[in-house]
Amino acid sequence: MDENRLNILNSSNRMLSKLQLLSVFFEDELIYKIYLRTQVIHKLFETNPEIDINKLELFHVQFTTSLVDLLRKIKKNNENNVSLVLDEIQLTREMVDKMDDNVLTEQDFKIDRQRQALKVNLSLRKLYQVLSDNSADYPFSKNINAFSLRYGSDFFYNITPDLYNELVQHNYNDTYHNNYATIQRKLMGVLLKREFRTEFYCGLKAGNLILEVYKFMDEDRHFLFSPANNLFLFCDVTKLSGIEQNNNLSKREKLMHELQDKIDKLQSDVVTMKAYMPPEIKSLLAENYKKIADINFLQSLSDVDVQANILKAMLNTDII
């Protein structure tokens, strides 16, 4: 085998290897079909010494070289885009991990609101005894205000100052009161009748003003507790009808969920971006394959084909 023929075949094999790697990277059926067809053309020249080997070199110059350069440019561009998205995923994941260390979860809230209801029930029972005995004892459980301080910003529902004022409006003459608390007389009567069995219903906030709303276990009646001044009043929850009370996720936990959804979407995008092929290029690939799949292709192979010029032109456009 003469040296020129050997060099052209070796160069053709290298070109086939490049095309094969690109077909694997893009996982595109059309690119794979072009690779197979190019392999067939190479084999034809390799096994038929009588065919002018220079035509194989011309074939690669006109079609394969420009195609490989074009696909490499697309591959590099896609990899750069993927790299940016992977960096964004990593930074977002780090943010989620940091937030996860301090986040107050819905489960935390569910557990602590049960504890808070128990504290309030015990405090009200003690308040009844203190008022009945005209005692100066402090009636409230330890750290009874800690619950609203911990969960108010994330789990309590926003209300307007006007609604807050409406909810806490009361007739002082209709209350029992001492140095520590104020409670409606009728509310104390119902609490005594229901054996101080209530559960936490929801939390409300108007700026820095906080209210905790409780529900009687045995009936659909509610009262509020104002931690700022230890005020207990009946609460008409129909006034809260416009407030969303379905989602107990904290603001931070909601943000974490949103960020995780973003990560999932970005990871899905990476798969698509990695092998993205502009529609114009796909159309050109189809034309390319149609051309080299023509049984009379080699017979007409001579001057630089229009298709080859288009491939080269693509390398200098903003399509990619």
Protein backbone atom coordinates (compact mmCIF):
# COMPACT_ATOMS: atom_id res chain seq x y z
CA MET A 1 0.00 0.00 0.00
CA ASP A 2 1.47 3.32 -1.06
CA GLU A 3 2.12 5.96 1.56
CA ASN A 4 -0.50 8.41 0.25
CA ARG A 5 -3.23 5.77 0.39
CA LEU A 6 -2.20 4.73 3.91
CA ASN A 7 -2.19 8.34 5.16
CA ILE A 8 -5.64 9.02 3.73
CA LEU A 9 -7.11 5.86 5.26
CA ASN A 10 -5.55 6.60 8.66
CA SER A 11 -6.86 10.15 8.53
CA SER A 12 -10.27 8.79 7.57
CA ASN A 13 -10.23 6.42 10.54
CA ARG A 14 -9.46 9.29 12.88
CA MET A 15 -12.34 11.24 11.40
CA LEU A 16 -14.63 8.23 11.95
CA SER A 17 -13.57 8.04 15.60
CA LYS A 18 -14.41 11.70 16.11
CA LEU A 19 -17.80 11.27 14.45
CA GLN A 20 -18.53 8.19 16.55
CA LEU A 21 -17.77 10.03 19.80
CA LEU A 22 -20.04 12.88 18.75
CA SER A 23 -22.86 10.49 17.90
CA VAL A 24 -22.53 8.99 21.39
CA PHE A 25 -22.49 12.43 23.02
CA PHE A 26 -25.58 13.73 21.24
CA GLU A 27 -27.41 10.39 21.23
CA ASP A 28 -29.02 11.58 18.01
CA GLU A 29 -30.26 8.99 15.55
CA LEU A 30 -29.47 11.14 12.54
CA ILE A 31 -25.85 11.71 13.58
CA TYR A 32 -25.48 7.99 14.20
CA LYS A 33 -26.86 7.21 10.73
CA ILE A 34 -24.39 9.69 9.21
CA TYR A 35 -21.61 7.99 11.14
CA LEU A 36 -22.66 4.55 9.87
CA ARG A 37 -22.94 5.79 6.30
CA THR A 38 -19.52 7.44 6.55
CA GLN A 39 -18.13 4.17 7.86
CA VAL A 40 -19.58 2.34 4.86
CA ILE A 41 -17.99 4.86 2.48
CA HIS A 42 -14.65 4.45 4.25
CA LYS A 43 -14.89 0.67 3.98
CA LEU A 44 -15.68 0.94 0.29
CA PHE A 45 -12.41 2.75 -0.37
CA GLU A 46 -10.46 0.53 2.04
CA THR A 47 -11.51 -2.71 0.36
CA ASN A 48 -11.42 -1.46 -3.23
CA PRO A 49 -7.89 -0.26 -4.10
CA GLU A 50 -8.97 0.45 -7.67
CA ILE A 51 -11.15 3.38 -6.52
CA ASP A 52 -9.34 6.69 -6.43
CA ILE A 53 -8.41 7.12 -2.75
CA ASN A 54 -8.25 10.88 -3.19
CA LYS A 55 -12.03 10.90 -3.49
CA LEU A 56 -12.24 9.64 0.11
CA GLU A 57 -10.13 12.58 1.21
CA LEU A 58 -12.31 14.91 -0.84
CA PHE A 59 -15.41 13.41 0.72
CA HIS A 60 -14.16 14.17 4.22
CA VAL A 61 -13.08 17.67 3.24
CA GLN A 62 -16.47 18.43 1.75
CA PHE A 63 -18.66 16.79 4.38
CA THR A 64 -17.14 15.15 7.42
CA THR A 65 -14.61 17.77 8.51
CA SER A 66 -17.09 20.64 8.46
CA LEU A 67 -19.72 18.46 10.11
CA VAL A 68 -17.36 17.41 12.92
CA ASP A 69 -16.26 21.02 13.48
CA LEU A 70 -19.89 22.14 13.59
CA LEU A 71 -20.91 19.40 16.05
CA ARG A 72 -17.89 20.14 18.23
CA LYS A 73 -18.83 23.79 18.39
CA ILE A 74 -22.38 22.86 19.41
CA LYS A 75 -21.02 20.38 21.96
CA LYS A 76 -18.71 22.98 23.50
CA ASN A 77 -21.50 25.55 23.65
CA ASN A 78 -23.84 23.02 25.25
CA GLU A 79 -21.20 21.99 27.78
CA ASN A 80 -20.62 25.64 28.73
CA ASN A 81 -24.35 26.12 29.27
CA VAL A 82 -24.56 22.91 31.28
CA SER A 83 -21.60 24.01 33.38
CA LEU A 84 -23.38 27.24 34.28
CA VAL A 85 -26.52 25.35 35.24
CA LEU A 86 -24.54 22.84 37.32
CA ASP A 87 -22.92 25.75 39.17
CA GLU A 88 -26.37 27.19 39.83
CA ILE A 89 -27.58 23.81 41.08
CA GLN A 90 -24.61 23.54 43.44
CA LEU A 91 -25.07 27.04 44.84
CA THR A 92 -28.81 26.48 45.28
CA ARG A 93 -28.20 23.15 47.00
CA GLU A 94 -25.71 24.78 49.39
CA MET A 95 -28.32 27.42 50.19
CA VAL A 96 -30.93 24.74 50.92
CA ASP A 97 -28.47 22.86 53.16
CA LYS A 98 -27.74 26.01 55.19
CA MET A 99 -31.43 26.77 55.58
CA ASP A 100 -32.14 23.18 56.58
CA ASP A 101 -29.90 23.56 59.63
CA ASN A 102 -32.18 26.22 61.15
CA VAL A 103 -35.56 25.71 59.53
CA LEU A 104 -38.66 25.36 61.67
CA THR A 105 -40.59 22.54 60.08
CA GLU A 106 -44.29 21.83 59.97
CA GLN A 107 -43.68 18.85 62.26
CA ASP A 108 -41.98 21.12 64.82
CA PHE A 109 -44.97 23.44 64.69
CA LYS A 110 -47.50 20.61 65.12
CA ILE A 111 -45.70 19.27 68.18
CA ASP A 112 -45.14 22.65 69.83
CA ARG A 113 -48.67 23.92 69.26
CA GLN A 114 -49.95 20.89 71.20
CA ARG A 115 -47.58 21.77 74.02
CA GLN A 116 -48.68 25.39 73.86
CA ALA A 117 -52.35 24.41 74.08
CA LEU A 118 -51.55 22.37 77.18
CA LYS A 119 -49.72 25.35 78.72
CA VAL A 120 -52.64 27.67 78.00
CA ASN A 121 -55.18 25.20 79.40
CA LEU A 122 -53.15 24.76 82.59
CA SER A 123 -52.66 28.53 82.88
CA LEU A 124 -56.40 29.17 82.50
CA ARG A 125 -57.18 26.56 85.10
CA LYS A 126 -54.69 28.18 87.45
CA LEU A 127 -56.09 31.64 86.59
CA TYR A 128 -59.56 30.45 87.60
CA GLN A 129 -58.19 29.30 90.97
CA VAL A 130 -56.26 32.53 91.49
CA LEU A 131 -59.31 34.67 90.70
CA SER A 132 -61.59 32.48 92.85
CA ASP A 133 -59.22 32.67 95.80
CA ASN A 134 -58.37 36.32 95.23
CA SER A 135 -54.77 35.15 95.27
CA ALA A 136 -51.71 37.10 94.17
CA ASP A 137 -50.07 34.00 92.65
CA TYR A 138 -48.77 34.17 89.09
CA PRO A 139 -51.05 31.86 87.08
CA PHE A 140 -49.18 31.33 83.83
CA SER A 141 -46.99 28.42 82.81
CA LYS A 142 -43.30 29.01 82.28
CA ASN A 143 -42.33 30.47 78.88
CA ILE A 144 -45.93 30.70 77.72
CA ASN A 145 -44.97 33.52 75.33
CA ALA A 146 -42.07 31.61 73.76
CA PHE A 147 -44.35 29.81 71.30
CA SER A 148 -45.54 32.94 69.50
CA LEU A 149 -42.03 34.41 69.52
CA ARG A 150 -40.66 31.29 67.87
CA TYR A 151 -43.36 30.59 65.30
CA GLY A 152 -45.09 33.94 64.81
CA SER A 153 -43.01 35.17 61.88
CA ASP A 154 -43.28 31.96 59.87
CA PHE A 155 -46.52 30.22 60.80
CA PHE A 156 -48.96 32.90 61.95
CA TYR A 157 -51.33 34.48 59.44
CA ASN A 158 -51.23 38.18 58.62
CA ILE A 159 -54.22 40.33 59.51
CA THR A 160 -54.80 44.07 59.24
CA PRO A 161 -54.41 46.36 62.25
CA ASP A 162 -58.10 47.18 61.92
CA LEU A 163 -59.06 43.52 62.24
CA TYR A 164 -56.69 43.12 65.17
CA ASN A 165 -58.36 46.04 66.99
CA GLU A 166 -61.79 44.60 66.20
CA LEU A 167 -60.85 41.19 67.61
CA VAL A 168 -59.45 42.56 70.90
CA GLN A 169 -62.27 45.06 71.44
CA HIS A 170 -64.13 44.27 74.70
CA ASN A 171 -66.07 45.73 77.59
CA TYR A 172 -63.77 45.88 80.60
CA ASN A 173 -66.76 45.61 82.95
CA ASP A 174 -67.57 42.19 81.46
CA THR A 175 -64.22 40.71 82.45
CA TYR A 176 -62.43 39.15 85.38
CA HIS A 177 -59.03 40.75 85.83
CA ASN A 178 -56.08 41.05 88.14
CA ASN A 179 -52.48 42.19 87.83
CA TYR A 180 -51.66 39.31 85.50
CA ALA A 181 -54.58 38.72 83.13
CA THR A 182 -57.94 39.81 81.80
CA ILE A 183 -60.59 37.30 80.74
CA GLN A 184 -64.23 37.61 79.70
CA ARG A 185 -66.59 36.36 82.40
CA LYS A 186 -68.66 34.26 80.00
CA LEU A 187 -65.47 32.76 78.52
CA MET A 188 -64.30 31.68 81.95
CA GLY A 189 -67.71 30.08 82.53
CA VAL A 190 -67.51 28.07 79.31
CA LEU A 191 -63.92 27.05 80.04
CA LEU A 192 -64.94 25.79 83.46
CA LYS A 193 -67.90 23.92 81.99
CA ARG A 194 -65.68 22.33 79.30
CA GLU A 195 -62.98 21.48 81.85
CA PHE A 196 -60.45 23.76 80.15
CA ARG A 197 -60.12 21.36 77.20
CA THR A 198 -59.08 23.40 74.18
CA GLU A 199 -56.67 23.07 71.24
CA PHE A 200 -54.61 25.53 69.26
CA TYR A 201 -56.51 26.73 66.17
CA CYS A 202 -54.25 29.30 64.47
CA GLY A 203 -51.96 32.25 65.07
CA LEU A 204 -52.56 35.80 63.87
CA LYS A 205 -50.25 38.77 63.54
CA ALA A 206 -50.63 42.42 62.64
CA GLY A 207 -47.06 43.67 62.41
CA ASN A 208 -45.55 42.90 65.82
CA LEU A 209 -48.94 42.35 67.45
CA ILE A 210 -49.69 38.67 68.03
CA LEU A 211 -52.85 36.70 68.77
CA GLU A 212 -53.26 33.00 69.39
CA VAL A 213 -56.68 31.50 68.64
CA TYR A 214 -57.92 28.37 70.42
CA LYS A 215 -60.90 26.09 69.83
CA PHE A 216 -62.95 24.18 72.38
CA MET A 217 -62.50 20.45 71.95
CA ASP A 218 -66.22 19.63 72.17
CA GLU A 219 -67.79 22.46 70.19
CA ASP A 220 -67.17 24.89 67.39
CA ARG A 221 -66.40 27.90 69.58
CA HIS A 222 -63.16 29.82 69.76
CA PHE A 223 -61.31 32.30 71.92
CA LEU A 224 -58.15 34.32 71.53
CA PHE A 225 -55.14 34.84 73.71
CA SER A 226 -53.07 38.03 73.43
CA PRO A 227 -49.58 37.27 74.82
CA ALA A 228 -48.72 40.99 74.98
CA ASN A 229 -51.23 41.68 77.76
CA ASN A 230 -52.53 38.22 78.72
CA LEU A 231 -55.99 38.99 77.40
CA PHE A 232 -58.54 36.20 76.79
CA LEU A 233 -61.67 36.89 74.73
CA PHE A 234 -64.20 34.97 72.67
CA CYS A 235 -63.25 35.03 68.99
CA ASP A 236 -65.65 35.08 66.06
CA VAL A 237 -63.65 33.08 63.48
CA THR A 238 -66.05 34.06 60.70
CA LYS A 239 -64.12 37.32 60.72
CA LEU A 240 -61.08 35.30 59.63
CA SER A 241 -62.79 33.82 56.57
CA GLY A 242 -60.60 35.77 54.17
CA ILE A 243 -57.38 34.45 55.69
CA GLU A 244 -55.62 31.48 54.14
CA GLN A 245 -55.33 28.80 56.81
CA ASN A 246 -54.47 25.71 54.78
CA ASN A 247 -50.69 25.81 54.57
CA ASN A 248 -48.74 25.44 57.80
CA LEU A 249 -45.35 25.41 56.14
CA SER A 250 -43.06 28.10 57.46
CA LYS A 251 -41.89 30.79 55.07
CA ARG A 252 -38.40 29.38 55.19
CA GLU A 253 -39.63 25.85 54.58
CA LYS A 254 -41.74 27.07 51.66
CA LEU A 255 -38.66 28.73 50.21
CA MET A 256 -36.70 25.51 50.67
CA HIS A 257 -39.38 23.59 48.77
CA GLU A 258 -39.34 26.19 46.01
CA LEU A 259 -35.55 25.97 45.78
CA GLN A 260 -35.68 22.17 45.67
CA ASP A 261 -38.24 22.35 42.87
CA LYS A 262 -35.86 24.70 41.08
CA ILE A 263 -33.01 22.21 41.52
CA ASP A 264 -35.16 19.38 40.12
CA LYS A 265 -36.10 21.47 37.09
CA LEU A 266 -32.50 22.53 36.48
CA GLN A 267 -31.35 18.91 36.68
CA SER A 268 -33.99 18.02 34.11
CA ASP A 269 -32.85 20.91 31.94
CA VAL A 270 -29.26 19.66 32.06
CA VAL A 271 -30.25 16.42 30.32
CA THR A 272 -31.95 18.37 27.53
CA MET A 273 -29.26 21.05 27.25
CA LYS A 274 -26.41 18.55 27.01
CA ALA A 275 -27.55 17.19 23.65
CA TYR A 276 -29.50 20.21 22.40
CA MET A 277 -29.43 20.63 18.65
CA PRO A 278 -30.81 23.80 16.99
CA PRO A 279 -33.64 22.99 14.55
CA GLU A 280 -31.68 24.59 11.69
CA ILE A 281 -28.79 22.20 12.33
CA LYS A 282 -31.06 19.16 12.52
CA SER A 283 -32.55 20.11 9.18
CA LEU A 284 -29.06 20.46 7.73
CA LEU A 285 -28.03 17.07 9.13
CA ALA A 286 -31.01 15.49 7.42
CA GLU A 287 -29.94 17.01 4.12
CA ASN A 288 -26.38 15.87 4.78
CA TYR A 289 -27.44 12.29 5.37
CA LYS A 290 -29.74 12.31 2.36
CA LYS A 291 -26.83 13.47 0.22
CA ILE A 292 -24.27 10.87 1.32
CA ALA A 293 -26.85 8.09 1.34
CA ASP A 294 -27.45 8.57 -2.39
CA ILE A 295 -26.20 5.49 -4.22
CA ASN A 296 -24.69 7.70 -6.92
CA PHE A 297 -23.06 10.00 -4.42
CA LEU A 298 -19.44 9.05 -5.16
CA GLN A 299 -19.88 9.30 -8.88
CA SER A 300 -20.80 12.97 -8.60
CA LEU A 301 -18.18 13.77 -5.98
CA SER A 302 -15.89 16.35 -7.54
CA ASP A 303 -16.12 20.04 -6.81
CA VAL A 304 -16.93 21.39 -3.39
CA ASP A 305 -20.62 20.77 -2.84
CA VAL A 306 -23.13 23.46 -1.89
CA GLN A 307 -23.94 21.38 1.18
CA ALA A 308 -20.35 21.63 2.36
CA ASN A 309 -20.44 25.40 2.02
CA ILE A 310 -23.59 25.53 4.12
CA LEU A 311 -21.94 23.42 6.82
CA LYS A 312 -18.98 25.75 6.92
CA ALA A 313 -21.21 28.80 6.94
CA MET A 314 -23.01 27.43 9.99
CA LEU A 315 -19.75 27.62 11.93
CA ASN A 316 -19.74 31.40 11.57
CA THR A 317 -23.33 32.12 12.52
CA ASP A 318 -25.12 32.89 15.80
CA ILE A 319 -27.47 29.92 15.39
CA ILE A 320 -25.44 27.84 17.84
